[in-house]
Amino acid sequence: MKKDELYDALVKRALGHSVTEESTEYSVDDNGVEKLVRKKISVKQVPPELSAIKLLIKKSTDDFDGMTEEQLLKEKERLLKMLSDEDKKQENKKWNSKKRRTE
């Protein structure tokens, strides 16, 4: 796993995320053929983890100590964009799960 992937996973845990689970149930008819009886799709919200937040805060203070004002502003913009993108992903997942339930 690359360093960026680990960091992204840590951010995901710190922000919280949703998980889609699919459960299917089949039965066998008189001819021995499996038929779908029930299909359930659920979206579970995983809350933010305090330990991941603490690690990010510690890492961010270590990283930011030697930065100039300009570098700090660029990093602020990058982080805000990342949070915005993550919010959009979460909204899209919610929208898609609602859409699936109505179909």
C-alpha atoms as a PDB file:
ATOM      1  CA  MET A   1       0.000   0.000   0.000  1.00  0.00           C
ATOM      2  CA  LYS A   2       1.350   3.410  -0.938  1.00  0.00           C
ATOM      3  CA  LYS A   3       1.771   6.294   1.482  1.00  0.00           C
ATOM      4  CA  ASP A   4      -1.011   8.280  -0.243  1.00  0.00           C
ATOM      5  CA  GLU A   5      -3.386   5.331   0.028  1.00  0.00           C
ATOM      6  CA  LEU A   6      -2.704   5.017   3.759  1.00  0.00           C
ATOM      7  CA  TYR A   7      -3.281   8.729   4.249  1.00  0.00           C
ATOM      8  CA  ASP A   8      -6.535   8.596   2.255  1.00  0.00           C
ATOM      9  CA  ALA A   9      -7.719   5.620   4.310  1.00  0.00           C
ATOM     10  CA  LEU A  10      -6.929   7.513   7.503  1.00  0.00           C
ATOM     11  CA  VAL A  11      -8.859  10.557   6.269  1.00  0.00           C
ATOM     12  CA  LYS A  12     -11.802   8.329   5.349  1.00  0.00           C
ATOM     13  CA  ARG A  13     -11.878   6.897   8.872  1.00  0.00           C
ATOM     14  CA  ALA A  14     -11.526  10.353  10.410  1.00  0.00           C
ATOM     15  CA  LEU A  15     -14.408  11.787   8.364  1.00  0.00           C
ATOM     16  CA  GLY A  16     -16.668   8.752   8.540  1.00  0.00           C
ATOM     17  CA  HIS A  17     -18.171   7.088   5.505  1.00  0.00           C
ATOM     18  CA  SER A  18     -20.993   4.860   4.328  1.00  0.00           C
ATOM     19  CA  VAL A  19     -20.932   1.191   3.400  1.00  0.00           C
ATOM     20  CA  THR A  20     -23.424  -0.474   1.070  1.00  0.00           C
ATOM     21  CA  GLU A  21     -24.327  -4.042   1.927  1.00  0.00           C
ATOM     22  CA  GLU A  22     -26.303  -6.377  -0.282  1.00  0.00           C
ATOM     23  CA  SER A  23     -28.081  -9.427   1.074  1.00  0.00           C
ATOM     24  CA  THR A  24     -29.793 -11.963  -1.197  1.00  0.00           C
ATOM     25  CA  GLU A  25     -31.938 -14.944  -0.288  1.00  0.00           C
ATOM     26  CA  TYR A  26     -32.699 -17.807  -2.645  1.00  0.00           C
ATOM     27  CA  SER A  27     -35.011 -20.809  -2.461  1.00  0.00           C
ATOM     28  CA  VAL A  28     -35.169 -23.976  -4.527  1.00  0.00           C
ATOM     29  CA  ASP A  29     -38.445 -24.658  -6.315  1.00  0.00           C
ATOM     30  CA  ASP A  30     -39.983 -28.087  -7.054  1.00  0.00           C
ATOM     31  CA  ASN A  31     -37.842 -28.443 -10.205  1.00  0.00           C
ATOM     32  CA  GLY A  32     -34.609 -27.878  -8.280  1.00  0.00           C
ATOM     33  CA  VAL A  33     -34.050 -24.402  -9.725  1.00  0.00           C
ATOM     34  CA  GLU A  34     -32.833 -21.629  -7.450  1.00  0.00           C
ATOM     35  CA  LYS A  35     -35.009 -18.531  -7.484  1.00  0.00           C
ATOM     36  CA  LEU A  36     -34.364 -15.182  -5.898  1.00  0.00           C
ATOM     37  CA  VAL A  37     -36.759 -14.707  -2.994  1.00  0.00           C
ATOM     38  CA  ARG A  38     -35.474 -11.516  -1.418  1.00  0.00           C
ATOM     39  CA  LYS A  39     -32.825  -8.927  -2.151  1.00  0.00           C
ATOM     40  CA  LYS A  40     -32.016  -6.262   0.389  1.00  0.00           C
ATOM     41  CA  ILE A  41     -29.609  -3.368  -0.129  1.00  0.00           C
ATOM     42  CA  SER A  42     -28.761  -1.337   2.942  1.00  0.00           C
ATOM     43  CA  VAL A  43     -26.482   1.625   3.450  1.00  0.00           C
ATOM     44  CA  LYS A  44     -24.777   1.838   6.818  1.00  0.00           C
ATOM     45  CA  GLN A  45     -23.078   4.951   8.097  1.00  0.00           C
ATOM     46  CA  VAL A  46     -19.695   4.440   9.724  1.00  0.00           C
ATOM     47  CA  PRO A  47     -19.099   7.296  12.174  1.00  0.00           C
ATOM     48  CA  PRO A  48     -15.849   9.247  12.344  1.00  0.00           C
ATOM     49  CA  GLU A  49     -13.173   7.713  14.565  1.00  0.00           C
ATOM     50  CA  LEU A  50     -11.552   9.841  17.221  1.00  0.00           C
ATOM     51  CA  SER A  51      -8.232   7.976  17.019  1.00  0.00           C
ATOM     52  CA  ALA A  52      -7.957   8.725  13.264  1.00  0.00           C
ATOM     53  CA  ILE A  53      -8.764  12.389  13.901  1.00  0.00           C
ATOM     54  CA  LYS A  54      -6.064  12.562  16.582  1.00  0.00           C
ATOM     55  CA  LEU A  55      -3.499  11.012  14.240  1.00  0.00           C
ATOM     56  CA  LEU A  56      -4.351  13.501  11.483  1.00  0.00           C
ATOM     57  CA  ILE A  57      -4.079  16.434  13.879  1.00  0.00           C
ATOM     58  CA  LYS A  58      -0.710  15.233  15.147  1.00  0.00           C
ATOM     59  CA  LYS A  59       0.547  14.668  11.613  1.00  0.00           C
ATOM     60  CA  SER A  60      -0.742  18.038  10.449  1.00  0.00           C
ATOM     61  CA  THR A  61       0.979  19.942  13.252  1.00  0.00           C
ATOM     62  CA  ASP A  62       4.243  18.143  12.465  1.00  0.00           C
ATOM     63  CA  ASP A  63       3.894  18.923   8.763  1.00  0.00           C
ATOM     64  CA  PHE A  64       2.880  22.566   9.145  1.00  0.00           C
ATOM     65  CA  ASP A  65       5.523  23.775  11.589  1.00  0.00           C
ATOM     66  CA  GLY A  66       8.084  24.655   8.903  1.00  0.00           C
ATOM     67  CA  MET A  67       5.669  26.034   6.293  1.00  0.00           C
ATOM     68  CA  THR A  68       5.485  29.600   5.050  1.00  0.00           C
ATOM     69  CA  GLU A  69       2.234  31.566   5.088  1.00  0.00           C
ATOM     70  CA  GLU A  70       1.793  30.967   1.349  1.00  0.00           C
ATOM     71  CA  GLN A  71       2.348  27.221   1.718  1.00  0.00           C
ATOM     72  CA  LEU A  72      -0.165  27.114   4.574  1.00  0.00           C
ATOM     73  CA  LEU A  73      -2.794  28.875   2.447  1.00  0.00           C
ATOM     74  CA  LYS A  74      -2.248  26.429  -0.421  1.00  0.00           C
ATOM     75  CA  GLU A  75      -2.539  23.503   1.986  1.00  0.00           C
ATOM     76  CA  LYS A  76      -5.739  24.990   3.422  1.00  0.00           C
ATOM     77  CA  GLU A  77      -7.232  25.212  -0.080  1.00  0.00           C
ATOM     78  CA  ARG A  78      -6.179  21.632  -0.838  1.00  0.00           C
ATOM     79  CA  LEU A  79      -7.743  20.296   2.361  1.00  0.00           C
ATOM     80  CA  LEU A  80     -10.982  22.234   1.846  1.00  0.00           C
ATOM     81  CA  LYS A  81     -11.242  20.874  -1.693  1.00  0.00           C
ATOM     82  CA  MET A  82     -10.615  17.351  -0.415  1.00  0.00           C
ATOM     83  CA  LEU A  83     -13.379  17.727   2.193  1.00  0.00           C
ATOM     84  CA  SER A  84     -15.737  19.146  -0.414  1.00  0.00           C
ATOM     85  CA  ASP A  85     -15.010  16.258  -2.776  1.00  0.00           C
ATOM     86  CA  GLU A  86     -15.619  13.768   0.023  1.00  0.00           C
ATOM     87  CA  ASP A  87     -18.953  15.442   0.849  1.00  0.00           C
ATOM     88  CA  LYS A  88     -19.972  15.215  -2.810  1.00  0.00           C
ATOM     89  CA  LYS A  89     -19.077  11.511  -2.876  1.00  0.00           C
ATOM     90  CA  GLN A  90     -21.181  10.909   0.238  1.00  0.00           C
ATOM     91  CA  GLU A  91     -24.142  12.781  -1.267  1.00  0.00           C
ATOM     92  CA  ASN A  92     -23.845  10.808  -4.519  1.00  0.00           C
ATOM     93  CA  LYS A  93     -23.799   7.533  -2.582  1.00  0.00           C
ATOM     94  CA  LYS A  94     -26.906   8.572  -0.626  1.00  0.00           C
ATOM     95  CA  TRP A  95     -28.649   9.648  -3.830  1.00  0.00           C
ATOM     96  CA  ASN A  96     -27.770   6.399  -5.612  1.00  0.00           C
ATOM     97  CA  SER A  97     -28.909   4.248  -2.694  1.00  0.00           C
ATOM     98  CA  LYS A  98     -32.242   6.119  -2.524  1.00  0.00           C
ATOM     99  CA  LYS A  99     -32.613   5.756  -6.268  1.00  0.00           C
ATOM    100  CA  ARG A 100     -31.992   1.978  -6.061  1.00  0.00           C
ATOM    101  CA  ARG A 101     -34.596   1.597  -3.326  1.00  0.00           C
ATOM    102  CA  THR A 102     -37.278   3.284  -5.426  1.00  0.00           C
ATOM    103  CA  GLU A 103     -36.626   1.132  -8.494  1.00  0.00           C
END
